[in-house]
């Protein structure tokens, strides 16, 4: 279902892959040329890369590697490109179709200047920060499915002392997983909750996939699962508020 407005603060697409051997400032410049029409600003920097041993421990030594950060003119979208990952974040998300076109242009540019055929991990995350003025910051009955904050309403007697109340559920859909986090995160933690903010955070991810099948086989599936669970998470009142 499409809405006129939403409470999405960030949509994050991340691709992880084996480190690109010839990653350098020249490659970052080539990449920026391909996406300059959307990301006019550039902030080259360095990334601290730690070495992980076969037994899982982390080496104390680390090396600095190039990291390209490219930002849109209006500062609402950013691409971070490192030797072993690319991260696309957007804060002005409106709907899925234009979003796919937008990130697909970035992925096409990435594929044009790199030779990454296999992805260790791909993740798509939607972060909703629902801010609605009301008298009780812990009462979300009108807007959120009551099952998501039942412990707060039915178990705790001293609600006024709560500083944070977060739940997490992980789904295994065979070909991918979803980490669903929900509740009152409280930006003022560890102070007691006074702000009216409820978090609905949906993070889908898959491991060991072919790059060229990224959107067809994964991103679209991620979006369908996230959209379905979001609809189950909210009430008619919130849909009306967003303009259903």
C-alpha atoms as a PDB file:
ATOM      1  CA  UNK A   1       0.000   0.000   0.000  1.00  0.00           C
ATOM      2  CA  UNK A   2       1.306   3.450  -0.922  1.00  0.00           C
ATOM      3  CA  UNK A   3       0.976   6.424   1.395  1.00  0.00           C
ATOM      4  CA  UNK A   4       1.186  10.165   0.815  1.00  0.00           C
ATOM      5  CA  UNK A   5       3.641  10.507   3.709  1.00  0.00           C
ATOM      6  CA  UNK A   6       5.630   8.114   5.861  1.00  0.00           C
ATOM      7  CA  UNK A   7       7.780   7.921   8.985  1.00  0.00           C
ATOM      8  CA  UNK A   8      10.787   6.325   7.255  1.00  0.00           C
ATOM      9  CA  UNK A   9      13.981   8.019   8.389  1.00  0.00           C
ATOM     10  CA  UNK A  10      16.443   5.759   6.563  1.00  0.00           C
ATOM     11  CA  UNK A  11      16.457   3.117   3.867  1.00  0.00           C
ATOM     12  CA  UNK A  12      19.787   1.315   3.744  1.00  0.00           C
ATOM     13  CA  UNK A  13      21.097  -1.045   1.074  1.00  0.00           C
ATOM     14  CA  UNK A  14      24.414  -2.751   1.784  1.00  0.00           C
ATOM     15  CA  UNK A  15      26.477  -5.142  -0.329  1.00  0.00           C
ATOM     16  CA  UNK A  16      29.417  -7.035   1.172  1.00  0.00           C
ATOM     17  CA  UNK A  17      31.988  -8.835  -0.976  1.00  0.00           C
ATOM     18  CA  UNK A  18      35.572 -10.084  -0.950  1.00  0.00           C
ATOM     19  CA  UNK A  19      38.033  -7.207  -0.887  1.00  0.00           C
ATOM     20  CA  UNK A  20      38.751  -5.681  -4.317  1.00  0.00           C
ATOM     21  CA  UNK A  21      42.477  -6.181  -4.875  1.00  0.00           C
ATOM     22  CA  UNK A  22      43.096  -3.062  -7.003  1.00  0.00           C
ATOM     23  CA  UNK A  23      40.942  -0.721  -4.925  1.00  0.00           C
ATOM     24  CA  UNK A  24      42.476   2.761  -4.953  1.00  0.00           C
ATOM     25  CA  UNK A  25      41.710   6.457  -5.306  1.00  0.00           C
ATOM     26  CA  UNK A  26      41.629   6.124  -9.087  1.00  0.00           C
ATOM     27  CA  UNK A  27      38.869   3.534  -8.922  1.00  0.00           C
ATOM     28  CA  UNK A  28      36.902   5.796  -6.567  1.00  0.00           C
ATOM     29  CA  UNK A  29      37.273   8.648  -9.040  1.00  0.00           C
ATOM     30  CA  UNK A  30      35.989   6.446 -11.869  1.00  0.00           C
ATOM     31  CA  UNK A  31      33.032   5.424  -9.738  1.00  0.00           C
ATOM     32  CA  UNK A  32      32.211   9.028  -8.878  1.00  0.00           C
ATOM     33  CA  UNK A  33      32.210   9.959 -12.569  1.00  0.00           C
ATOM     34  CA  UNK A  34      29.478   7.371 -13.116  1.00  0.00           C
ATOM     35  CA  UNK A  35      27.223   8.664 -10.315  1.00  0.00           C
ATOM     36  CA  UNK A  36      28.088  12.376 -10.291  1.00  0.00           C
ATOM     37  CA  UNK A  37      24.655  13.358 -11.639  1.00  0.00           C
ATOM     38  CA  UNK A  38      23.075  12.030  -8.424  1.00  0.00           C
ATOM     39  CA  UNK A  39      25.958  12.417  -5.969  1.00  0.00           C
ATOM     40  CA  UNK A  40      27.703  15.674  -6.734  1.00  0.00           C
ATOM     41  CA  UNK A  41      29.667  15.909  -3.480  1.00  0.00           C
ATOM     42  CA  UNK A  42      32.623  13.743  -2.578  1.00  0.00           C
ATOM     43  CA  UNK A  43      34.406  13.138   0.734  1.00  0.00           C
ATOM     44  CA  UNK A  44      37.356  10.762   0.230  1.00  0.00           C
ATOM     45  CA  UNK A  45      38.618   9.418   3.552  1.00  0.00           C
ATOM     46  CA  UNK A  46      40.211   6.307   5.025  1.00  0.00           C
ATOM     47  CA  UNK A  47      38.821   3.155   6.584  1.00  0.00           C
ATOM     48  CA  UNK A  48      40.488   1.151   9.354  1.00  0.00           C
ATOM     49  CA  UNK A  49      40.424  -2.498   8.304  1.00  0.00           C
ATOM     50  CA  UNK A  50      41.142  -5.114  10.982  1.00  0.00           C
ATOM     51  CA  UNK A  51      42.439  -8.563  10.078  1.00  0.00           C
ATOM     52  CA  UNK A  52      40.394 -11.537  11.305  1.00  0.00           C
ATOM     53  CA  UNK A  53      42.260 -14.805  11.910  1.00  0.00           C
ATOM     54  CA  UNK A  54      40.909 -18.246  11.035  1.00  0.00           C
ATOM     55  CA  UNK A  55      40.022 -18.871  14.692  1.00  0.00           C
ATOM     56  CA  UNK A  56      37.776 -15.770  14.672  1.00  0.00           C
ATOM     57  CA  UNK A  57      40.065 -13.547  16.727  1.00  0.00           C
ATOM     58  CA  UNK A  58      40.974 -10.052  15.515  1.00  0.00           C
ATOM     59  CA  UNK A  59      44.534  -8.997  14.830  1.00  0.00           C
ATOM     60  CA  UNK A  60      45.704  -6.011  16.832  1.00  0.00           C
ATOM     61  CA  UNK A  61      47.289  -4.556  13.696  1.00  0.00           C
ATOM     62  CA  UNK A  62      45.112  -2.870  11.135  1.00  0.00           C
ATOM     63  CA  UNK A  63      45.651  -1.110   7.851  1.00  0.00           C
ATOM     64  CA  UNK A  64      44.117   2.034   6.448  1.00  0.00           C
ATOM     65  CA  UNK A  65      42.374   1.719   3.088  1.00  0.00           C
ATOM     66  CA  UNK A  66      40.596   4.250   0.881  1.00  0.00           C
ATOM     67  CA  UNK A  67      36.931   4.949   1.533  1.00  0.00           C
ATOM     68  CA  UNK A  68      34.845   7.022  -0.839  1.00  0.00           C
ATOM     69  CA  UNK A  69      31.811   8.886   0.481  1.00  0.00           C
ATOM     70  CA  UNK A  70      29.528  10.464  -2.121  1.00  0.00           C
ATOM     71  CA  UNK A  71      26.612  12.679  -1.137  1.00  0.00           C
ATOM     72  CA  UNK A  72      23.644  14.052  -3.067  1.00  0.00           C
ATOM     73  CA  UNK A  73      23.293  17.796  -3.529  1.00  0.00           C
ATOM     74  CA  UNK A  74      20.406  17.988  -1.027  1.00  0.00           C
ATOM     75  CA  UNK A  75      22.181  15.688   1.496  1.00  0.00           C
ATOM     76  CA  UNK A  76      19.357  13.130   1.485  1.00  0.00           C
ATOM     77  CA  UNK A  77      21.316  10.237  -0.053  1.00  0.00           C
ATOM     78  CA  UNK A  78      24.834   8.926   0.495  1.00  0.00           C
ATOM     79  CA  UNK A  79      27.018   6.186  -0.940  1.00  0.00           C
ATOM     80  CA  UNK A  80      29.956   4.770   1.013  1.00  0.00           C
ATOM     81  CA  UNK A  81      32.303   2.664  -1.128  1.00  0.00           C
ATOM     82  CA  UNK A  82      35.061   0.631   0.548  1.00  0.00           C
ATOM     83  CA  UNK A  83      37.251  -2.250  -0.701  1.00  0.00           C
ATOM     84  CA  UNK A  84      34.809  -4.851   0.640  1.00  0.00           C
ATOM     85  CA  UNK A  85      31.407  -3.170   0.813  1.00  0.00           C
ATOM     86  CA  UNK A  86      29.155  -0.543  -0.693  1.00  0.00           C
ATOM     87  CA  UNK A  87      26.498   1.191   1.398  1.00  0.00           C
ATOM     88  CA  UNK A  88      23.634   3.297   0.030  1.00  0.00           C
ATOM     89  CA  UNK A  89      21.518   5.306   2.475  1.00  0.00           C
ATOM     90  CA  UNK A  90      18.477   7.462   1.708  1.00  0.00           C
ATOM     91  CA  UNK A  91      16.504   9.699   4.081  1.00  0.00           C
ATOM     92  CA  UNK A  92      13.832  11.063   1.704  1.00  0.00           C
ATOM     93  CA  UNK A  93      12.234   7.772   0.672  1.00  0.00           C
ATOM     94  CA  UNK A  94       8.830   8.084  -1.024  1.00  0.00           C
ATOM     95  CA  UNK A  95       8.029   4.747  -2.685  1.00  0.00           C
ATOM     96  CA  UNK A  96       9.722   1.556  -3.814  1.00  0.00           C
ATOM     97  CA  UNK A  97       9.667   1.930  -7.616  1.00  0.00           C
ATOM     98  CA  UNK A  98      11.666   5.194  -7.816  1.00  0.00           C
ATOM     99  CA  UNK A  99      13.923   3.924  -5.043  1.00  0.00           C
ATOM    100  CA  UNK A 100      14.798   0.829  -7.068  1.00  0.00           C
ATOM    101  CA  UNK A 101      15.604   2.959 -10.112  1.00  0.00           C
ATOM    102  CA  UNK A 102      17.790   5.205  -7.971  1.00  0.00           C
ATOM    103  CA  UNK A 103      19.860   2.482  -6.313  1.00  0.00           C
ATOM    104  CA  UNK A 104      19.969   0.424  -9.503  1.00  0.00           C
ATOM    105  CA  UNK A 105      21.867   3.284 -11.159  1.00  0.00           C
ATOM    106  CA  UNK A 106      24.402   3.140  -8.331  1.00  0.00           C
ATOM    107  CA  UNK A 107      24.731  -0.650  -8.562  1.00  0.00           C
ATOM    108  CA  UNK A 108      25.160  -0.459 -12.337  1.00  0.00           C
ATOM    109  CA  UNK A 109      27.959   2.089 -11.848  1.00  0.00           C
ATOM    110  CA  UNK A 110      29.537  -0.189  -9.244  1.00  0.00           C
ATOM    111  CA  UNK A 111      29.373  -3.162 -11.615  1.00  0.00           C
ATOM    112  CA  UNK A 112      30.839  -1.091 -14.438  1.00  0.00           C
ATOM    113  CA  UNK A 113      34.053  -0.214 -12.602  1.00  0.00           C
ATOM    114  CA  UNK A 114      34.454  -3.403 -10.552  1.00  0.00           C
ATOM    115  CA  UNK A 115      34.443  -7.129 -11.236  1.00  0.00           C
ATOM    116  CA  UNK A 116      32.477  -8.336  -8.242  1.00  0.00           C
ATOM    117  CA  UNK A 117      30.318 -11.267  -9.327  1.00  0.00           C
ATOM    118  CA  UNK A 118      29.660 -12.831  -5.933  1.00  0.00           C
ATOM    119  CA  UNK A 119      28.229 -11.107  -2.862  1.00  0.00           C
ATOM    120  CA  UNK A 120      28.950 -12.397   0.628  1.00  0.00           C
ATOM    121  CA  UNK A 121      25.908 -10.549   1.937  1.00  0.00           C
ATOM    122  CA  UNK A 122      23.214  -8.189   0.722  1.00  0.00           C
ATOM    123  CA  UNK A 123      20.895  -6.362   3.095  1.00  0.00           C
ATOM    124  CA  UNK A 124      17.942  -3.992   2.759  1.00  0.00           C
ATOM    125  CA  UNK A 125      16.807  -2.124   5.864  1.00  0.00           C
ATOM    126  CA  UNK A 126      13.881   0.220   6.515  1.00  0.00           C
ATOM    127  CA  UNK A 127      13.955   2.304   9.702  1.00  0.00           C
ATOM    128  CA  UNK A 128      10.649   3.903  10.735  1.00  0.00           C
ATOM    129  CA  UNK A 129      10.679   6.433  13.586  1.00  0.00           C
ATOM    130  CA  UNK A 130       7.020   7.111  14.331  1.00  0.00           C
ATOM    131  CA  UNK A 131       6.725  10.470  16.089  1.00  0.00           C
ATOM    132  CA  UNK A 132       3.198  11.492  17.121  1.00  0.00           C
ATOM    133  CA  UNK A 133       2.342  14.022  19.806  1.00  0.00           C
ATOM    134  CA  UNK A 134       0.226  12.511  22.614  1.00  0.00           C
ATOM    135  CA  UNK A 135       0.037  12.617  26.388  1.00  0.00           C
ATOM    136  CA  UNK A 136       1.510   9.155  27.155  1.00  0.00           C
ATOM    137  CA  UNK A 137       4.760   8.242  25.322  1.00  0.00           C
ATOM    138  CA  UNK A 138       4.253   4.560  26.196  1.00  0.00           C
ATOM    139  CA  UNK A 139       0.683   4.262  24.960  1.00  0.00           C
ATOM    140  CA  UNK A 140       0.599   3.435  21.245  1.00  0.00           C
ATOM    141  CA  UNK A 141      -2.767   1.635  21.082  1.00  0.00           C
ATOM    142  CA  UNK A 142      -4.167   3.979  18.429  1.00  0.00           C
ATOM    143  CA  UNK A 143      -1.274   3.576  16.013  1.00  0.00           C
ATOM    144  CA  UNK A 144       0.678   0.344  16.621  1.00  0.00           C
ATOM    145  CA  UNK A 145      -0.518  -3.253  16.826  1.00  0.00           C
ATOM    146  CA  UNK A 146      -0.956  -3.778  20.566  1.00  0.00           C
ATOM    147  CA  UNK A 147       0.885  -7.119  20.434  1.00  0.00           C
ATOM    148  CA  UNK A 148       4.153  -5.278  19.831  1.00  0.00           C
ATOM    149  CA  UNK A 149       4.077  -3.492  23.190  1.00  0.00           C
ATOM    150  CA  UNK A 150       1.961  -5.885  25.275  1.00  0.00           C
ATOM    151  CA  UNK A 151       4.662  -6.350  27.980  1.00  0.00           C
ATOM    152  CA  UNK A 152       4.698  -2.623  28.673  1.00  0.00           C
ATOM    153  CA  UNK A 153       0.921  -2.433  28.999  1.00  0.00           C
ATOM    154  CA  UNK A 154       0.249  -5.720  30.799  1.00  0.00           C
ATOM    155  CA  UNK A 155       3.341  -6.608  32.797  1.00  0.00           C
ATOM    156  CA  UNK A 156       5.096  -3.524  34.144  1.00  0.00           C
ATOM    157  CA  UNK A 157       3.344  -1.604  36.883  1.00  0.00           C
ATOM    158  CA  UNK A 158       5.883   1.225  37.143  1.00  0.00           C
ATOM    159  CA  UNK A 159       5.742   2.348  33.510  1.00  0.00           C
ATOM    160  CA  UNK A 160       6.911   5.825  34.429  1.00  0.00           C
ATOM    161  CA  UNK A 161      10.367   4.418  35.294  1.00  0.00           C
ATOM    162  CA  UNK A 162      10.998   2.733  31.926  1.00  0.00           C
ATOM    163  CA  UNK A 163      14.018   4.072  30.035  1.00  0.00           C
ATOM    164  CA  UNK A 164      13.826   1.758  27.013  1.00  0.00           C
ATOM    165  CA  UNK A 165      11.568  -1.049  25.799  1.00  0.00           C
ATOM    166  CA  UNK A 166      12.703  -2.899  22.689  1.00  0.00           C
ATOM    167  CA  UNK A 167      11.681  -6.244  21.187  1.00  0.00           C
ATOM    168  CA  UNK A 168      13.396  -8.300  18.498  1.00  0.00           C
ATOM    169  CA  UNK A 169      12.202 -11.155  16.303  1.00  0.00           C
ATOM    170  CA  UNK A 170      14.285 -12.880  13.609  1.00  0.00           C
ATOM    171  CA  UNK A 171      12.556 -14.645  10.717  1.00  0.00           C
ATOM    172  CA  UNK A 172      14.149 -17.330   8.526  1.00  0.00           C
ATOM    173  CA  UNK A 173      12.572 -17.351   5.054  1.00  0.00           C
ATOM    174  CA  UNK A 174      14.921 -20.083   3.752  1.00  0.00           C
ATOM    175  CA  UNK A 175      16.664 -17.921   1.144  1.00  0.00           C
ATOM    176  CA  UNK A 176      16.989 -14.874   3.418  1.00  0.00           C
ATOM    177  CA  UNK A 177      16.413 -13.645   6.960  1.00  0.00           C
ATOM    178  CA  UNK A 178      14.760 -10.639   8.553  1.00  0.00           C
ATOM    179  CA  UNK A 179      15.716  -8.963  11.805  1.00  0.00           C
ATOM    180  CA  UNK A 180      12.646  -7.082  13.065  1.00  0.00           C
ATOM    181  CA  UNK A 181      13.268  -4.638  15.918  1.00  0.00           C
ATOM    182  CA  UNK A 182      10.406  -2.692  17.468  1.00  0.00           C
ATOM    183  CA  UNK A 183       9.565  -0.630  20.516  1.00  0.00           C
ATOM    184  CA  UNK A 184      10.523   2.555  22.309  1.00  0.00           C
ATOM    185  CA  UNK A 185      14.244   3.044  21.773  1.00  0.00           C
ATOM    186  CA  UNK A 186      14.282   6.415  23.573  1.00  0.00           C
ATOM    187  CA  UNK A 187      16.799   8.880  22.062  1.00  0.00           C
ATOM    188  CA  UNK A 188      17.377  10.284  25.580  1.00  0.00           C
ATOM    189  CA  UNK A 189      18.413   6.924  27.093  1.00  0.00           C
ATOM    190  CA  UNK A 190      19.319   6.269  29.920  1.00  0.00           C
ATOM    191  CA  UNK A 191      16.903   9.014  30.987  1.00  0.00           C
ATOM    192  CA  UNK A 192      13.264   7.985  31.407  1.00  0.00           C
ATOM    193  CA  UNK A 193      11.043   8.024  28.347  1.00  0.00           C
ATOM    194  CA  UNK A 194       9.397  11.375  27.659  1.00  0.00           C
ATOM    195  CA  UNK A 195       9.407  11.562  23.844  1.00  0.00           C
ATOM    196  CA  UNK A 196       6.688  10.044  21.692  1.00  0.00           C
ATOM    197  CA  UNK A 197       8.719   7.854  19.357  1.00  0.00           C
ATOM    198  CA  UNK A 198       8.130   4.234  18.348  1.00  0.00           C
ATOM    199  CA  UNK A 199      10.652   2.323  16.229  1.00  0.00           C
ATOM    200  CA  UNK A 200       9.753  -0.183  13.514  1.00  0.00           C
ATOM    201  CA  UNK A 201      13.047  -1.423  12.066  1.00  0.00           C
ATOM    202  CA  UNK A 202      13.012  -4.100   9.352  1.00  0.00           C
ATOM    203  CA  UNK A 203      16.369  -5.516   8.216  1.00  0.00           C
ATOM    204  CA  UNK A 204      16.343  -8.234   5.524  1.00  0.00           C
ATOM    205  CA  UNK A 205      19.539  -9.915   4.379  1.00  0.00           C
ATOM    206  CA  UNK A 206      20.849 -12.871   2.381  1.00  0.00           C
ATOM    207  CA  UNK A 207      24.300 -14.398   2.151  1.00  0.00           C
ATOM    208  CA  UNK A 208      26.331 -15.889  -0.690  1.00  0.00           C
ATOM    209  CA  UNK A 209      24.412 -14.699  -3.745  1.00  0.00           C
ATOM    210  CA  UNK A 210      25.155 -13.835  -7.380  1.00  0.00           C
ATOM    211  CA  UNK A 211      25.463 -10.100  -7.942  1.00  0.00           C
ATOM    212  CA  UNK A 212      23.471 -10.050 -11.199  1.00  0.00           C
ATOM    213  CA  UNK A 213      20.435 -11.563  -9.445  1.00  0.00           C
ATOM    214  CA  UNK A 214      20.425  -8.857  -6.800  1.00  0.00           C
ATOM    215  CA  UNK A 215      17.137  -7.121  -7.555  1.00  0.00           C
ATOM    216  CA  UNK A 216      15.243  -9.881  -9.314  1.00  0.00           C
ATOM    217  CA  UNK A 217      15.761 -12.518  -6.652  1.00  0.00           C
ATOM    218  CA  UNK A 218      16.407 -10.597  -3.447  1.00  0.00           C
ATOM    219  CA  UNK A 219      15.657  -6.894  -3.155  1.00  0.00           C
ATOM    220  CA  UNK A 220      12.108  -7.309  -4.442  1.00  0.00           C
ATOM    221  CA  UNK A 221      11.496 -10.214  -2.056  1.00  0.00           C
ATOM    222  CA  UNK A 222      12.937  -8.215   0.820  1.00  0.00           C
ATOM    223  CA  UNK A 223      10.587  -5.338   0.079  1.00  0.00           C
ATOM    224  CA  UNK A 224       7.501  -7.566  -0.107  1.00  0.00           C
ATOM    225  CA  UNK A 225       8.271  -9.162   3.270  1.00  0.00           C
ATOM    226  CA  UNK A 226       9.023  -5.804   4.891  1.00  0.00           C
ATOM    227  CA  UNK A 227       5.882  -4.184   3.490  1.00  0.00           C
ATOM    228  CA  UNK A 228       3.694  -7.103   4.636  1.00  0.00           C
ATOM    229  CA  UNK A 229       5.077  -7.034   8.175  1.00  0.00           C
ATOM    230  CA  UNK A 230       4.818  -3.244   8.340  1.00  0.00           C
ATOM    231  CA  UNK A 231       1.093  -3.451   7.512  1.00  0.00           C
ATOM    232  CA  UNK A 232       0.640  -5.977  10.310  1.00  0.00           C
ATOM    233  CA  UNK A 233       2.545  -3.702  12.687  1.00  0.00           C
ATOM    234  CA  UNK A 234       0.303  -0.639  12.352  1.00  0.00           C
ATOM    235  CA  UNK A 235      -3.356   0.294  12.774  1.00  0.00           C
ATOM    236  CA  UNK A 236      -5.971   1.957  10.606  1.00  0.00           C
ATOM    237  CA  UNK A 237      -5.427   5.184  12.536  1.00  0.00           C
ATOM    238  CA  UNK A 238      -1.774   5.370  11.483  1.00  0.00           C
ATOM    239  CA  UNK A 239      -2.692   4.553   7.871  1.00  0.00           C
ATOM    240  CA  UNK A 240      -5.126   7.461   7.920  1.00  0.00           C
ATOM    241  CA  UNK A 241      -2.429   9.713   9.337  1.00  0.00           C
ATOM    242  CA  UNK A 242      -0.076   8.781   6.513  1.00  0.00           C
ATOM    243  CA  UNK A 243      -2.772   9.307   3.908  1.00  0.00           C
ATOM    244  CA  UNK A 244      -3.883   5.868   2.746  1.00  0.00           C
END
